[in-house]
Amino acid sequence: MLVDDAWAVDLARLGPQFEHAGGGLNVEFIAPTPGAADAIDLAVWERGVGITEACGSGAAAAAFVAHHWGLVGADVTVHMPGGAARVVLDGADAILVGPSVFIAEVELARG
């Protein structure tokens, strides 16, 4: 959803309403970053989780939509509470660019 200020959205109040209205939706509030070209601010509510600090797939989708709306070019910085992500758009593809970090190896028992 396009809003004037993504940080002013009351996610705790609006998020659950949108999530349940659509049978389980993620909701993303997008606003152009003030004073920055090709940048957006993104506030995210993830279904089943709630307020989310950052979301890679959400950043890619938000950049794609913001570009379609004419708000940004094809190389977009997406600012989220957990940090910024860079998304490069190439036709129908939205490519999340940045470093990856190994966190852990997990082994689960079957059964």
C-alpha atoms as a PDB file:
ATOM      1  CA  MET A   1       0.000   0.000   0.000  1.00  0.00           C
ATOM      2  CA  LEU A   2       1.304   3.429  -0.876  1.00  0.00           C
ATOM      3  CA  VAL A   3       1.311   5.789   2.107  1.00  0.00           C
ATOM      4  CA  ASP A   4       2.783   9.215   2.825  1.00  0.00           C
ATOM      5  CA  ASP A   5       4.986   7.964   5.676  1.00  0.00           C
ATOM      6  CA  ALA A   6       5.637   4.245   6.180  1.00  0.00           C
ATOM      7  CA  TRP A   7       6.979   4.864   9.701  1.00  0.00           C
ATOM      8  CA  ALA A   8       3.740   6.589  10.780  1.00  0.00           C
ATOM      9  CA  VAL A   9       1.570   3.548   9.971  1.00  0.00           C
ATOM     10  CA  ASP A  10       0.139   1.857  13.072  1.00  0.00           C
ATOM     11  CA  LEU A  11       1.159  -1.694  12.078  1.00  0.00           C
ATOM     12  CA  ALA A  12      -0.009  -3.205  15.356  1.00  0.00           C
ATOM     13  CA  ARG A  13      -3.551  -1.988  14.668  1.00  0.00           C
ATOM     14  CA  LEU A  14      -3.800  -2.266  10.870  1.00  0.00           C
ATOM     15  CA  GLY A  15      -1.705  -5.374  10.239  1.00  0.00           C
ATOM     16  CA  PRO A  16      -4.078  -7.905  11.816  1.00  0.00           C
ATOM     17  CA  GLN A  17      -7.075  -6.361  10.059  1.00  0.00           C
ATOM     18  CA  PHE A  18      -5.515  -6.719   6.614  1.00  0.00           C
ATOM     19  CA  GLU A  19      -4.004 -10.132   7.343  1.00  0.00           C
ATOM     20  CA  HIS A  20      -7.337 -11.675   8.287  1.00  0.00           C
ATOM     21  CA  ALA A  21      -9.451  -9.821   5.708  1.00  0.00           C
ATOM     22  CA  GLY A  22      -7.687 -11.633   2.875  1.00  0.00           C
ATOM     23  CA  GLY A  23      -7.471 -15.058   4.476  1.00  0.00           C
ATOM     24  CA  GLY A  24      -3.841 -14.630   5.467  1.00  0.00           C
ATOM     25  CA  LEU A  25      -2.013 -11.751   3.787  1.00  0.00           C
ATOM     26  CA  ASN A  26       1.356 -10.107   4.192  1.00  0.00           C
ATOM     27  CA  VAL A  27       0.868  -6.349   4.210  1.00  0.00           C
ATOM     28  CA  GLU A  28       3.510  -3.858   3.139  1.00  0.00           C
ATOM     29  CA  PHE A  29       3.327  -0.100   3.451  1.00  0.00           C
ATOM     30  CA  ILE A  30       5.511   1.781   0.954  1.00  0.00           C
ATOM     31  CA  ALA A  31       6.536   5.446   0.940  1.00  0.00           C
ATOM     32  CA  PRO A  32       9.174   7.265  -1.102  1.00  0.00           C
ATOM     33  CA  THR A  33      12.184   7.973   1.144  1.00  0.00           C
ATOM     34  CA  PRO A  34      12.197  11.749   1.759  1.00  0.00           C
ATOM     35  CA  GLY A  35      15.098  13.481   0.022  1.00  0.00           C
ATOM     36  CA  ALA A  36      16.417  10.328  -1.682  1.00  0.00           C
ATOM     37  CA  ALA A  37      16.120   9.272  -5.297  1.00  0.00           C
ATOM     38  CA  ASP A  38      15.310   5.657  -6.124  1.00  0.00           C
ATOM     39  CA  ALA A  39      14.640   4.772  -2.488  1.00  0.00           C
ATOM     40  CA  ILE A  40      11.561   3.706  -0.561  1.00  0.00           C
ATOM     41  CA  ASP A  41      10.693   3.118   3.080  1.00  0.00           C
ATOM     42  CA  LEU A  42       8.959  -0.177   3.797  1.00  0.00           C
ATOM     43  CA  ALA A  43       6.993  -1.240   6.886  1.00  0.00           C
ATOM     44  CA  VAL A  44       6.035  -4.923   6.897  1.00  0.00           C
ATOM     45  CA  TRP A  45       3.380  -7.041   8.603  1.00  0.00           C
ATOM     46  CA  GLU A  46       3.880 -10.757   7.881  1.00  0.00           C
ATOM     47  CA  ARG A  47       0.994 -13.156   8.250  1.00  0.00           C
ATOM     48  CA  GLY A  48       1.374 -15.379  11.262  1.00  0.00           C
ATOM     49  CA  VAL A  49       4.361 -13.364  12.520  1.00  0.00           C
ATOM     50  CA  GLY A  50       3.339  -9.739  12.908  1.00  0.00           C
ATOM     51  CA  ILE A  51       5.577  -6.695  12.659  1.00  0.00           C
ATOM     52  CA  THR A  52       8.744  -7.676  10.824  1.00  0.00           C
ATOM     53  CA  GLU A  53      12.085  -5.850  10.922  1.00  0.00           C
ATOM     54  CA  ALA A  54      13.012  -6.793   7.349  1.00  0.00           C
ATOM     55  CA  CYS A  55      11.761  -8.988   4.527  1.00  0.00           C
ATOM     56  CA  GLY A  56      13.747  -9.803   1.385  1.00  0.00           C
ATOM     57  CA  SER A  57      10.836 -10.997  -0.714  1.00  0.00           C
ATOM     58  CA  GLY A  58       8.777  -8.059   0.521  1.00  0.00           C
ATOM     59  CA  ALA A  59      11.576  -5.639  -0.395  1.00  0.00           C
ATOM     60  CA  ALA A  60      11.749  -7.111  -3.898  1.00  0.00           C
ATOM     61  CA  ALA A  61       7.974  -6.948  -4.361  1.00  0.00           C
ATOM     62  CA  ALA A  62       7.777  -3.396  -2.975  1.00  0.00           C
ATOM     63  CA  ALA A  63      10.599  -2.209  -5.257  1.00  0.00           C
ATOM     64  CA  PHE A  64       8.880  -3.795  -8.259  1.00  0.00           C
ATOM     65  CA  VAL A  65       5.551  -2.132  -7.465  1.00  0.00           C
ATOM     66  CA  ALA A  66       7.147   1.245  -6.657  1.00  0.00           C
ATOM     67  CA  HIS A  67       8.950   1.115 -10.003  1.00  0.00           C
ATOM     68  CA  HIS A  68       5.692   0.230 -11.792  1.00  0.00           C
ATOM     69  CA  TRP A  69       4.066   3.232 -10.095  1.00  0.00           C
ATOM     70  CA  GLY A  70       6.877   5.469 -11.390  1.00  0.00           C
ATOM     71  CA  LEU A  71       8.227   6.297  -7.918  1.00  0.00           C
ATOM     72  CA  VAL A  72      11.720   4.850  -8.464  1.00  0.00           C
ATOM     73  CA  GLY A  73      14.059   3.685 -11.189  1.00  0.00           C
ATOM     74  CA  ALA A  74      15.346   0.158 -11.744  1.00  0.00           C
ATOM     75  CA  ASP A  75      17.975   0.171  -8.949  1.00  0.00           C
ATOM     76  CA  VAL A  76      16.136   0.677  -5.667  1.00  0.00           C
ATOM     77  CA  THR A  77      17.236   1.019  -2.054  1.00  0.00           C
ATOM     78  CA  VAL A  78      14.555  -0.312   0.292  1.00  0.00           C
ATOM     79  CA  HIS A  79      14.800   1.034   3.835  1.00  0.00           C
ATOM     80  CA  MET A  80      13.326  -1.193   6.563  1.00  0.00           C
ATOM     81  CA  PRO A  81      13.660  -1.034  10.365  1.00  0.00           C
ATOM     82  CA  GLY A  82      16.147  -3.936  10.261  1.00  0.00           C
ATOM     83  CA  GLY A  83      18.318  -2.309   7.597  1.00  0.00           C
ATOM     84  CA  ALA A  84      18.415  -1.414   3.940  1.00  0.00           C
ATOM     85  CA  ALA A  85      18.317  -3.774   0.972  1.00  0.00           C
ATOM     86  CA  ARG A  86      19.161  -3.118  -2.660  1.00  0.00           C
ATOM     87  CA  VAL A  87      16.871  -4.441  -5.371  1.00  0.00           C
ATOM     88  CA  VAL A  88      17.771  -4.351  -9.062  1.00  0.00           C
ATOM     89  CA  LEU A  89      14.866  -4.687 -11.473  1.00  0.00           C
ATOM     90  CA  ASP A  90      15.367  -6.305 -14.864  1.00  0.00           C
ATOM     91  CA  GLY A  91      12.126  -6.675 -16.772  1.00  0.00           C
ATOM     92  CA  ALA A  92       9.915  -9.030 -14.776  1.00  0.00           C
ATOM     93  CA  ASP A  93      12.798  -9.993 -12.455  1.00  0.00           C
ATOM     94  CA  ALA A  94      13.495  -8.366  -9.092  1.00  0.00           C
ATOM     95  CA  ILE A  95      16.984  -9.264  -7.879  1.00  0.00           C
ATOM     96  CA  LEU A  96      17.920  -8.802  -4.231  1.00  0.00           C
ATOM     97  CA  VAL A  97      21.574  -7.699  -4.128  1.00  0.00           C
ATOM     98  CA  GLY A  98      23.896  -7.900  -1.148  1.00  0.00           C
ATOM     99  CA  PRO A  99      26.060 -10.098   0.980  1.00  0.00           C
ATOM    100  CA  SER A 100      24.949 -13.372   2.462  1.00  0.00           C
ATOM    101  CA  VAL A 101      26.140 -14.645   5.816  1.00  0.00           C
ATOM    102  CA  PHE A 102      26.193 -18.239   7.028  1.00  0.00           C
ATOM    103  CA  ILE A 103      24.267 -18.403  10.296  1.00  0.00           C
ATOM    104  CA  ALA A 104      24.027 -22.069  11.241  1.00  0.00           C
ATOM    105  CA  GLU A 105      23.761 -25.629  10.085  1.00  0.00           C
ATOM    106  CA  VAL A 106      20.717 -27.413  11.479  1.00  0.00           C
ATOM    107  CA  GLU A 107      19.954 -31.111  11.335  1.00  0.00           C
ATOM    108  CA  LEU A 108      16.468 -32.398  12.146  1.00  0.00           C
ATOM    109  CA  ALA A 109      15.609 -35.949  13.091  1.00  0.00           C
ATOM    110  CA  ARG A 110      12.966 -37.620  10.945  1.00  0.00           C
ATOM    111  CA  GLY A 111      10.075 -39.272  12.531  1.00  0.00           C
END
